[in-house]
Amino acid sequence: MKRSAGVLFSGLVAGVLLVGCSPSVTGGDTACKDFVGADEKTQNEAVAKMLKDEKGQEPATLETTGTRISVVAFCQTAGKQDSKIKEAPHL
C-alpha cells in the first residue's frame, strides 16, 4: 500500500513539473519565442484569445488562421523573441 502511494505521488510530481515547463501561451501577451515553439493548435488558441479580447466576440476560423499566419511571419522577421504577438500587424 505504501509503495503504490509513493508511485502515485511521484507521478503527480512529474506531471506538475511537466506542466510547469510548457511554454506560456496566453493570448496577445504570448511571447514570440513561445508562440513559434508551440504547435498549430496552441497557436490558434492564443490568436483566438487575443482576437476575442480585442473585439469582445469569438473570431471566425478564417480570421484566426489568417492572423496566426501574420503573427508567425512577424515573429520570424521583425519581431524579437520577447515581442508580444499582439504587436504583430493584424486587423
PDB file of N, CA and C in Angstrom:
ATOM      1  N   MET A   1       0.812  -1.186   0.000  1.00  0.00           N
ATOM      2  CA  MET A   1       0.000   0.000   0.000  1.00  0.00           C
ATOM      3  C   MET A   1       0.865   1.262   0.000  1.00  0.00           C
ATOM      4  N   LYS A   2       1.910   1.270   0.846  1.00  0.00           N
ATOM      5  CA  LYS A   2       2.800   2.420   0.899  1.00  0.00           C
ATOM      6  C   LYS A   2       3.509   2.640  -0.429  1.00  0.00           C
ATOM      7  N   ARG A   3       3.878   1.531  -1.057  1.00  0.00           N
ATOM      8  CA  ARG A   3       4.619   1.619  -2.319  1.00  0.00           C
ATOM      9  C   ARG A   3       3.749   2.251  -3.409  1.00  0.00           C
ATOM     10  N   SER A   4       2.490   1.852  -3.526  1.00  0.00           N
ATOM     11  CA  SER A   4       1.632   2.422  -4.567  1.00  0.00           C
ATOM     12  C   SER A   4       1.346   3.899  -4.293  1.00  0.00           C
ATOM     13  N   ALA A   5       1.286   4.291  -3.041  1.00  0.00           N
ATOM     14  CA  ALA A   5       1.107   5.710  -2.722  1.00  0.00           C
ATOM     15  C   ALA A   5       2.339   6.493  -3.154  1.00  0.00           C
ATOM     16  N   GLY A   6       3.513   5.918  -2.963  1.00  0.00           N
ATOM     17  CA  GLY A   6       4.751   6.571  -3.385  1.00  0.00           C
ATOM     18  C   GLY A   6       4.821   6.718  -4.890  1.00  0.00           C
ATOM     19  N   VAL A   7       4.409   5.683  -5.604  1.00  0.00           N
ATOM     20  CA  VAL A   7       4.409   5.733  -7.067  1.00  0.00           C
ATOM     21  C   VAL A   7       3.415   6.785  -7.548  1.00  0.00           C
ATOM     22  N   LEU A   8       2.247   6.826  -6.937  1.00  0.00           N
ATOM     23  CA  LEU A   8       1.239   7.812  -7.311  1.00  0.00           C
ATOM     24  C   LEU A   8       1.762   9.230  -7.064  1.00  0.00           C
ATOM     25  N   PHE A   9       2.369   9.449  -5.914  1.00  0.00           N
ATOM     26  CA  PHE A   9       2.925  10.765  -5.583  1.00  0.00           C
ATOM     27  C   PHE A   9       4.006  11.160  -6.585  1.00  0.00           C
ATOM     28  N   SER A  10       4.879  10.225  -6.929  1.00  0.00           N
ATOM     29  CA  SER A  10       5.950  10.508  -7.899  1.00  0.00           C
ATOM     30  C   SER A  10       5.364  10.898  -9.249  1.00  0.00           C
ATOM     31  N   GLY A  11       4.308  10.206  -9.655  1.00  0.00           N
ATOM     32  CA  GLY A  11       3.647  10.525 -10.921  1.00  0.00           C
ATOM     33  C   GLY A  11       3.042  11.919 -10.911  1.00  0.00           C
ATOM     34  N   LEU A  12       2.432  12.276  -9.793  1.00  0.00           N
ATOM     35  CA  LEU A  12       1.848  13.616  -9.680  1.00  0.00           C
ATOM     36  C   LEU A  12       2.917  14.694  -9.731  1.00  0.00           C
ATOM     37  N   VAL A  13       4.021  14.476  -9.057  1.00  0.00           N
ATOM     38  CA  VAL A  13       5.117  15.444  -9.064  1.00  0.00           C
ATOM     39  C   VAL A  13       5.666  15.606 -10.481  1.00  0.00           C
ATOM     40  N   ALA A  14       5.860  14.500 -11.180  1.00  0.00           N
ATOM     41  CA  ALA A  14       6.358  14.562 -12.552  1.00  0.00           C
ATOM     42  C   ALA A  14       5.375  15.325 -13.442  1.00  0.00           C
ATOM     43  N   GLY A  15       4.092  15.089 -13.272  1.00  0.00           N
ATOM     44  CA  GLY A  15       3.079  15.790 -14.056  1.00  0.00           C
ATOM     45  C   GLY A  15       3.104  17.288 -13.816  1.00  0.00           C
ATOM     46  N   VAL A  16       3.232  17.686 -12.570  1.00  0.00           N
ATOM     47  CA  VAL A  16       3.300  19.111 -12.237  1.00  0.00           C
ATOM     48  C   VAL A  16       4.544  19.739 -12.841  1.00  0.00           C
ATOM     49  N   LEU A  17       5.657  19.039 -12.798  1.00  0.00           N
ATOM     50  CA  LEU A  17       6.892  19.581 -13.379  1.00  0.00           C
ATOM     51  C   LEU A  17       6.759  19.744 -14.881  1.00  0.00           C
ATOM     52  N   LEU A  18       6.139  18.799 -15.550  1.00  0.00           N
ATOM     53  CA  LEU A  18       5.974  18.900 -16.996  1.00  0.00           C
ATOM     54  C   LEU A  18       5.059  20.053 -17.362  1.00  0.00           C
ATOM     55  N   VAL A  19       3.998  20.227 -16.625  1.00  0.00           N
ATOM     56  CA  VAL A  19       3.094  21.339 -16.900  1.00  0.00           C
ATOM     57  C   VAL A  19       3.803  22.661 -16.651  1.00  0.00           C
ATOM     58  N   GLY A  20       4.601  22.724 -15.638  1.00  0.00           N
ATOM     59  CA  GLY A  20       5.332  23.941 -15.322  1.00  0.00           C
ATOM     60  C   GLY A  20       6.354  24.320 -16.378  1.00  0.00           C
ATOM     61  N   CYS A  21       6.791  23.366 -17.181  1.00  0.00           N
ATOM     62  CA  CYS A  21       7.814  23.632 -18.190  1.00  0.00           C
ATOM     63  C   CYS A  21       7.232  23.994 -19.542  1.00  0.00           C
ATOM     64  N   SER A  22       5.923  23.889 -19.698  1.00  0.00           N
ATOM     65  CA  SER A  22       5.338  24.163 -21.003  1.00  0.00           C
ATOM     66  C   SER A  22       5.352  25.663 -21.271  1.00  0.00           C
ATOM     67  N   PRO A  23       5.474  26.054 -22.562  1.00  0.00           N
ATOM     68  CA  PRO A  23       5.514  27.468 -22.875  1.00  0.00           C
ATOM     69  C   PRO A  23       4.211  28.159 -22.482  1.00  0.00           C
ATOM     70  N   SER A  24       4.314  29.402 -22.117  1.00  0.00           N
ATOM     71  CA  SER A  24       3.148  30.163 -21.708  1.00  0.00           C
ATOM     72  C   SER A  24       2.479  30.770 -22.934  1.00  0.00           C
ATOM     73  N   VAL A  25       1.284  30.316 -23.239  1.00  0.00           N
ATOM     74  CA  VAL A  25       0.536  30.821 -24.377  1.00  0.00           C
ATOM     75  C   VAL A  25      -0.730  31.443 -23.826  1.00  0.00           C
ATOM     76  N   THR A  26      -0.730  32.777 -23.707  1.00  0.00           N
ATOM     77  CA  THR A  26      -1.820  33.473 -23.036  1.00  0.00           C
ATOM     78  C   THR A  26      -2.363  34.614 -23.884  1.00  0.00           C
ATOM     79  N   GLY A  27      -2.875  34.323 -25.040  1.00  0.00           N
ATOM     80  CA  GLY A  27      -3.448  35.363 -25.878  1.00  0.00           C
ATOM     81  C   GLY A  27      -2.402  36.328 -26.397  1.00  0.00           C
ATOM     82  N   GLY A  28      -2.766  37.601 -26.464  1.00  0.00           N
ATOM     83  CA  GLY A  28      -1.893  38.619 -27.037  1.00  0.00           C
ATOM     84  C   GLY A  28      -0.596  38.851 -26.290  1.00  0.00           C
ATOM     85  N   ASP A  29      -0.539  38.431 -25.026  1.00  0.00           N
ATOM     86  CA  ASP A  29       0.686  38.607 -24.243  1.00  0.00           C
ATOM     87  C   ASP A  29       1.680  37.466 -24.432  1.00  0.00           C
ATOM     88  N   THR A  30       1.369  36.533 -25.301  1.00  0.00           N
ATOM     89  CA  THR A  30       2.276  35.427 -25.588  1.00  0.00           C
ATOM     90  C   THR A  30       3.521  35.963 -26.285  1.00  0.00           C
ATOM     91  N   ALA A  31       4.684  35.558 -25.806  1.00  0.00           N
ATOM     92  CA  ALA A  31       5.944  35.976 -26.427  1.00  0.00           C
ATOM     93  C   ALA A  31       6.165  35.207 -27.727  1.00  0.00           C
ATOM     94  N   CYS A  32       6.820  35.856 -28.673  1.00  0.00           N
ATOM     95  CA  CYS A  32       7.098  35.211 -29.965  1.00  0.00           C
ATOM     96  C   CYS A  32       7.827  33.878 -29.795  1.00  0.00           C
ATOM     97  N   LYS A  33       8.791  33.815 -28.877  1.00  0.00           N
ATOM     98  CA  LYS A  33       9.551  32.576 -28.714  1.00  0.00           C
ATOM     99  C   LYS A  33       8.638  31.431 -28.295  1.00  0.00           C
ATOM    100  N   ASP A  34       7.641  31.692 -27.445  1.00  0.00           N
ATOM    101  CA  ASP A  34       6.705  30.654 -27.029  1.00  0.00           C
ATOM    102  C   ASP A  34       5.723  30.332 -28.142  1.00  0.00           C
ATOM    103  N   PHE A  35       5.298  31.360 -28.867  1.00  0.00           N
ATOM    104  CA  PHE A  35       4.327  31.173 -29.944  1.00  0.00           C
ATOM    105  C   PHE A  35       4.906  30.317 -31.063  1.00  0.00           C
ATOM    106  N   VAL A  36       6.098  30.663 -31.512  1.00  0.00           N
ATOM    107  CA  VAL A  36       6.723  29.928 -32.617  1.00  0.00           C
ATOM    108  C   VAL A  36       7.033  28.489 -32.192  1.00  0.00           C
ATOM    109  N   GLY A  37       7.357  28.276 -30.936  1.00  0.00           N
ATOM    110  CA  GLY A  37       7.667  26.931 -30.448  1.00  0.00           C
ATOM    111  C   GLY A  37       6.446  26.068 -30.179  1.00  0.00           C
ATOM    112  N   ALA A  38       5.259  26.661 -30.220  1.00  0.00           N
ATOM    113  CA  ALA A  38       4.029  25.914 -29.942  1.00  0.00           C
ATOM    114  C   ALA A  38       3.520  25.223 -31.205  1.00  0.00           C
ATOM    115  N   ASP A  39       2.670  24.212 -31.009  1.00  0.00           N
ATOM    116  CA  ASP A  39       2.054  23.554 -32.170  1.00  0.00           C
ATOM    117  C   ASP A  39       0.944  24.443 -32.734  1.00  0.00           C
ATOM    118  N   GLU A  40       0.450  24.094 -33.906  1.00  0.00           N
ATOM    119  CA  GLU A  40      -0.539  24.919 -34.605  1.00  0.00           C
ATOM    120  C   GLU A  40      -1.821  25.100 -33.780  1.00  0.00           C
ATOM    121  N   LYS A  41      -2.253  24.067 -33.116  1.00  0.00           N
ATOM    122  CA  LYS A  41      -3.476  24.143 -32.301  1.00  0.00           C
ATOM    123  C   LYS A  41      -3.308  25.171 -31.181  1.00  0.00           C
ATOM    124  N   THR A  42      -2.182  25.141 -30.510  1.00  0.00           N
ATOM    125  CA  THR A  42      -1.915  26.081 -29.427  1.00  0.00           C
ATOM    126  C   THR A  42      -1.770  27.501 -29.971  1.00  0.00           C
ATOM    127  N   GLN A  43      -1.138  27.636 -31.138  1.00  0.00           N
ATOM    128  CA  GLN A  43      -1.026  28.950 -31.765  1.00  0.00           C
ATOM    129  C   GLN A  43      -2.415  29.514 -32.077  1.00  0.00           C
ATOM    130  N   ASN A  44      -3.282  28.673 -32.644  1.00  0.00           N
ATOM    131  CA  ASN A  44      -4.641  29.117 -32.961  1.00  0.00           C
ATOM    132  C   ASN A  44      -5.396  29.528 -31.696  1.00  0.00           C
ATOM    133  N   GLU A  45      -5.202  28.794 -30.604  1.00  0.00           N
ATOM    134  CA  GLU A  45      -5.857  29.140 -29.344  1.00  0.00           C
ATOM    135  C   GLU A  45      -5.385  30.505 -28.842  1.00  0.00           C
ATOM    136  N   ALA A  46      -4.085  30.761 -28.938  1.00  0.00           N
ATOM    137  CA  ALA A  46      -3.541  32.039 -28.488  1.00  0.00           C
ATOM    138  C   ALA A  46      -4.080  33.187 -29.336  1.00  0.00           C
ATOM    139  N   VAL A  47      -4.115  32.996 -30.650  1.00  0.00           N
ATOM    140  CA  VAL A  47      -4.608  34.037 -31.550  1.00  0.00           C
ATOM    141  C   VAL A  47      -6.100  34.265 -31.323  1.00  0.00           C
ATOM    142  N   ALA A  48      -6.871  33.188 -31.188  1.00  0.00           N
ATOM    143  CA  ALA A  48      -8.307  33.323 -30.963  1.00  0.00           C
ATOM    144  C   ALA A  48      -8.585  34.084 -29.663  1.00  0.00           C
ATOM    145  N   LYS A  49      -7.816  33.795 -28.615  1.00  0.00           N
ATOM    146  CA  LYS A  49      -7.982  34.507 -27.341  1.00  0.00           C
ATOM    147  C   LYS A  49      -7.631  35.979 -27.513  1.00  0.00           C
ATOM    148  N   MET A  50      -6.551  36.265 -28.228  1.00  0.00           N
ATOM    149  CA  MET A  50      -6.144  37.644 -28.465  1.00  0.00           C
ATOM    150  C   MET A  50      -7.246  38.398 -29.216  1.00  0.00           C
ATOM    151  N   LEU A  51      -7.778  37.806 -30.276  1.00  0.00           N
ATOM    152  CA  LEU A  51      -8.811  38.459 -31.071  1.00  0.00           C
ATOM    153  C   LEU A  51     -10.096  38.644 -30.270  1.00  0.00           C
ATOM    154  N   LYS A  52     -10.452  37.655 -29.466  1.00  0.00           N
ATOM    155  CA  LYS A  52     -11.655  37.769 -28.634  1.00  0.00           C
ATOM    156  C   LYS A  52     -11.486  38.873 -27.602  1.00  0.00           C
ATOM    157  N   ASP A  53     -10.304  38.956 -27.000  1.00  0.00           N
ATOM    158  CA  ASP A  53     -10.044  40.013 -26.027  1.00  0.00           C
ATOM    159  C   ASP A  53     -10.128  41.398 -26.673  1.00  0.00           C
ATOM    160  N   GLU A  54      -9.681  41.514 -27.926  1.00  0.00           N
ATOM    161  CA  GLU A  54      -9.690  42.800 -28.621  1.00  0.00           C
ATOM    162  C   GLU A  54     -11.083  43.198 -29.091  1.00  0.00           C
ATOM    163  N   LYS A  55     -11.850  42.219 -29.592  1.00  0.00           N
ATOM    164  CA  LYS A  55     -13.127  42.527 -30.226  1.00  0.00           C
ATOM    165  C   LYS A  55     -14.348  42.184 -29.376  1.00  0.00           C
ATOM    166  N   GLY A  56     -14.142  41.397 -28.327  1.00  0.00           N
ATOM    167  CA  GLY A  56     -15.253  41.044 -27.458  1.00  0.00           C
ATOM    168  C   GLY A  56     -16.138  39.925 -27.969  1.00  0.00           C
ATOM    169  N   GLN A  57     -15.740  39.266 -29.037  1.00  0.00           N
ATOM    170  CA  GLN A  57     -16.521  38.142 -29.569  1.00  0.00           C
ATOM    171  C   GLN A  57     -15.582  37.110 -30.185  1.00  0.00           C
ATOM    172  N   GLU A  58     -16.073  35.892 -30.303  1.00  0.00           N
ATOM    173  CA  GLU A  58     -15.275  34.812 -30.885  1.00  0.00           C
ATOM    174  C   GLU A  58     -14.957  35.140 -32.345  1.00  0.00           C
ATOM    175  N   PRO A  59     -13.699  35.010 -32.755  1.00  0.00           N
ATOM    176  CA  PRO A  59     -13.349  35.269 -34.157  1.00  0.00           C
ATOM    177  C   PRO A  59     -13.742  34.081 -35.047  1.00  0.00           C
ATOM    178  N   ALA A  60     -13.944  34.368 -36.326  1.00  0.00           N
ATOM    179  CA  ALA A  60     -14.197  33.309 -37.299  1.00  0.00           C
ATOM    180  C   ALA A  60     -12.917  32.498 -37.489  1.00  0.00           C
ATOM    181  N   THR A  61     -13.066  31.259 -37.887  1.00  0.00           N
ATOM    182  CA  THR A  61     -11.909  30.381 -38.094  1.00  0.00           C
ATOM    183  C   THR A  61     -10.950  30.972 -39.119  1.00  0.00           C
ATOM    184  N   LEU A  62     -11.479  31.527 -40.187  1.00  0.00           N
ATOM    185  CA  LEU A  62     -10.638  32.108 -41.233  1.00  0.00           C
ATOM    186  C   LEU A  62      -9.841  33.299 -40.687  1.00  0.00           C
ATOM    187  N   GLU A  63     -10.462  34.109 -39.840  1.00  0.00           N
ATOM    188  CA  GLU A  63      -9.766  35.244 -39.237  1.00  0.00           C
ATOM    189  C   GLU A  63      -8.645  34.763 -38.316  1.00  0.00           C
ATOM    190  N   THR A  64      -8.924  33.721 -37.549  1.00  0.00           N
ATOM    191  CA  THR A  64      -7.910  33.161 -36.651  1.00  0.00           C
ATOM    192  C   THR A  64      -6.729  32.626 -37.454  1.00  0.00           C
ATOM    193  N   THR A  65      -7.007  31.877 -38.507  1.00  0.00           N
ATOM    194  CA  THR A  65      -5.946  31.288 -39.323  1.00  0.00           C
ATOM    195  C   THR A  65      -5.111  32.367 -40.009  1.00  0.00           C
ATOM    196  N   GLY A  66      -5.762  33.361 -40.592  1.00  0.00           N
ATOM    197  CA  GLY A  66      -5.041  34.442 -41.262  1.00  0.00           C
ATOM    198  C   GLY A  66      -4.171  35.239 -40.294  1.00  0.00           C
ATOM    199  N   THR A  67      -4.717  35.496 -39.123  1.00  0.00           N
ATOM    200  CA  THR A  67      -3.950  36.238 -38.119  1.00  0.00           C
ATOM    201  C   THR A  67      -2.784  35.403 -37.611  1.00  0.00           C
ATOM    202  N   ARG A  68      -2.985  34.092 -37.437  1.00  0.00           N
ATOM    203  CA  ARG A  68      -1.895  33.213 -36.990  1.00  0.00           C
ATOM    204  C   ARG A  68      -0.745  33.265 -37.986  1.00  0.00           C
ATOM    205  N   ILE A  69      -1.049  33.212 -39.266  1.00  0.00           N
ATOM    206  CA  ILE A  69      -0.016  33.261 -40.308  1.00  0.00           C
ATOM    207  C   ILE A  69       0.722  34.601 -40.251  1.00  0.00           C
ATOM    208  N   SER A  70      -0.011  35.682 -40.052  1.00  0.00           N
ATOM    209  CA  SER A  70       0.597  37.004 -39.934  1.00  0.00           C
ATOM    210  C   SER A  70       1.514  37.086 -38.712  1.00  0.00           C
ATOM    211  N   VAL A  71       1.062  36.524 -37.606  1.00  0.00           N
ATOM    212  CA  VAL A  71       1.861  36.557 -36.374  1.00  0.00           C
ATOM    213  C   VAL A  71       3.138  35.728 -36.541  1.00  0.00           C
ATOM    214  N   VAL A  72       3.028  34.559 -37.165  1.00  0.00           N
ATOM    215  CA  VAL A  72       4.216  33.730 -37.407  1.00  0.00           C
ATOM    216  C   VAL A  72       5.223  34.511 -38.246  1.00  0.00           C
ATOM    217  N   ALA A  73       4.750  35.168 -39.316  1.00  0.00           N
ATOM    218  CA  ALA A  73       5.643  35.949 -40.176  1.00  0.00           C
ATOM    219  C   ALA A  73       6.297  37.078 -39.382  1.00  0.00           C
ATOM    220  N   PHE A  74       5.517  37.761 -38.553  1.00  0.00           N
ATOM    221  CA  PHE A  74       6.057  38.838 -37.718  1.00  0.00           C
ATOM    222  C   PHE A  74       7.140  38.317 -36.787  1.00  0.00           C
ATOM    223  N   CYS A  75       6.836  37.216 -36.101  1.00  0.00           N
ATOM    224  CA  CYS A  75       7.783  36.670 -35.120  1.00  0.00           C
ATOM    225  C   CYS A  75       9.077  36.180 -35.770  1.00  0.00           C
ATOM    226  N   GLN A  76       8.986  35.735 -37.012  1.00  0.00           N
ATOM    227  CA  GLN A  76      10.169  35.213 -37.689  1.00  0.00           C
ATOM    228  C   GLN A  76      10.952  36.292 -38.428  1.00  0.00           C
ATOM    229  N   THR A  77      10.409  37.508 -38.510  1.00  0.00           N
ATOM    230  CA  THR A  77      11.114  38.570 -39.226  1.00  0.00           C
ATOM    231  C   THR A  77      11.356  39.776 -38.312  1.00  0.00           C
ATOM    232  N   ALA A  78      10.392  40.652 -38.184  1.00  0.00           N
ATOM    233  CA  ALA A  78      10.555  41.912 -37.453  1.00  0.00           C
ATOM    234  C   ALA A  78      10.506  41.747 -35.934  1.00  0.00           C
ATOM    235  N   GLY A  79       9.759  40.772 -35.464  1.00  0.00           N
ATOM    236  CA  GLY A  79       9.619  40.588 -34.023  1.00  0.00           C
ATOM    237  C   GLY A  79      10.864  39.997 -33.389  1.00  0.00           C
ATOM    238  N   LYS A  80      11.014  40.282 -32.117  1.00  0.00           N
ATOM    239  CA  LYS A  80      12.110  39.689 -31.347  1.00  0.00           C
ATOM    240  C   LYS A  80      11.541  38.562 -30.504  1.00  0.00           C
ATOM    241  N   GLN A  81      12.389  37.769 -29.890  1.00  0.00           N
ATOM    242  CA  GLN A  81      11.921  36.621 -29.104  1.00  0.00           C
ATOM    243  C   GLN A  81      10.963  37.025 -27.997  1.00  0.00           C
ATOM    244  N   ASP A  82      11.191  38.182 -27.394  1.00  0.00           N
ATOM    245  CA  ASP A  82      10.324  38.597 -26.298  1.00  0.00           C
ATOM    246  C   ASP A  82       9.197  39.537 -26.737  1.00  0.00           C
ATOM    247  N   SER A  83       9.055  39.763 -28.059  1.00  0.00           N
ATOM    248  CA  SER A  83       7.933  40.564 -28.561  1.00  0.00           C
ATOM    249  C   SER A  83       6.632  39.827 -28.271  1.00  0.00           C
ATOM    250  N   LYS A  84       5.578  40.584 -27.993  1.00  0.00           N
ATOM    251  CA  LYS A  84       4.251  40.004 -27.756  1.00  0.00           C
ATOM    252  C   LYS A  84       3.545  39.852 -29.094  1.00  0.00           C
ATOM    253  N   ILE A  85       2.747  38.794 -29.234  1.00  0.00           N
ATOM    254  CA  ILE A  85       2.096  38.562 -30.522  1.00  0.00           C
ATOM    255  C   ILE A  85       1.079  39.651 -30.854  1.00  0.00           C
ATOM    256  N   LYS A  86       0.576  40.358 -29.854  1.00  0.00           N
ATOM    257  CA  LYS A  86      -0.369  41.442 -30.128  1.00  0.00           C
ATOM    258  C   LYS A  86       0.304  42.607 -30.841  1.00  0.00           C
ATOM    259  N   GLU A  87       1.638  42.631 -30.877  1.00  0.00           N
ATOM    260  CA  GLU A  87       2.388  43.677 -31.585  1.00  0.00           C
ATOM    261  C   GLU A  87       2.405  43.424 -33.091  1.00  0.00           C
ATOM    262  N   ALA A  88       2.066  42.219 -33.515  1.00  0.00           N
ATOM    263  CA  ALA A  88       2.073  41.877 -34.944  1.00  0.00           C
ATOM    264  C   ALA A  88       0.939  42.630 -35.640  1.00  0.00           C
ATOM    265  N   PRO A  89       1.193  43.123 -36.856  1.00  0.00           N
ATOM    266  CA  PRO A  89       0.108  43.790 -37.582  1.00  0.00           C
ATOM    267  C   PRO A  89      -1.012  42.810 -37.908  1.00  0.00           C
ATOM    268  N   HIS A  90      -2.204  43.169 -37.516  1.00  0.00           N
ATOM    269  CA  HIS A  90      -3.386  42.347 -37.798  1.00  0.00           C
ATOM    270  C   HIS A  90      -4.622  43.233 -37.754  1.00  0.00           C
ATOM    271  N   LEU A  91      -5.686  42.771 -38.375  1.00  0.00           N
ATOM    272  CA  LEU A  91      -6.929  43.563 -38.403  1.00  0.00           C
ATOM    273  C   LEU A  91      -7.770  43.296 -37.211  1.00  0.00           C
TER     274      LEU A  91
END
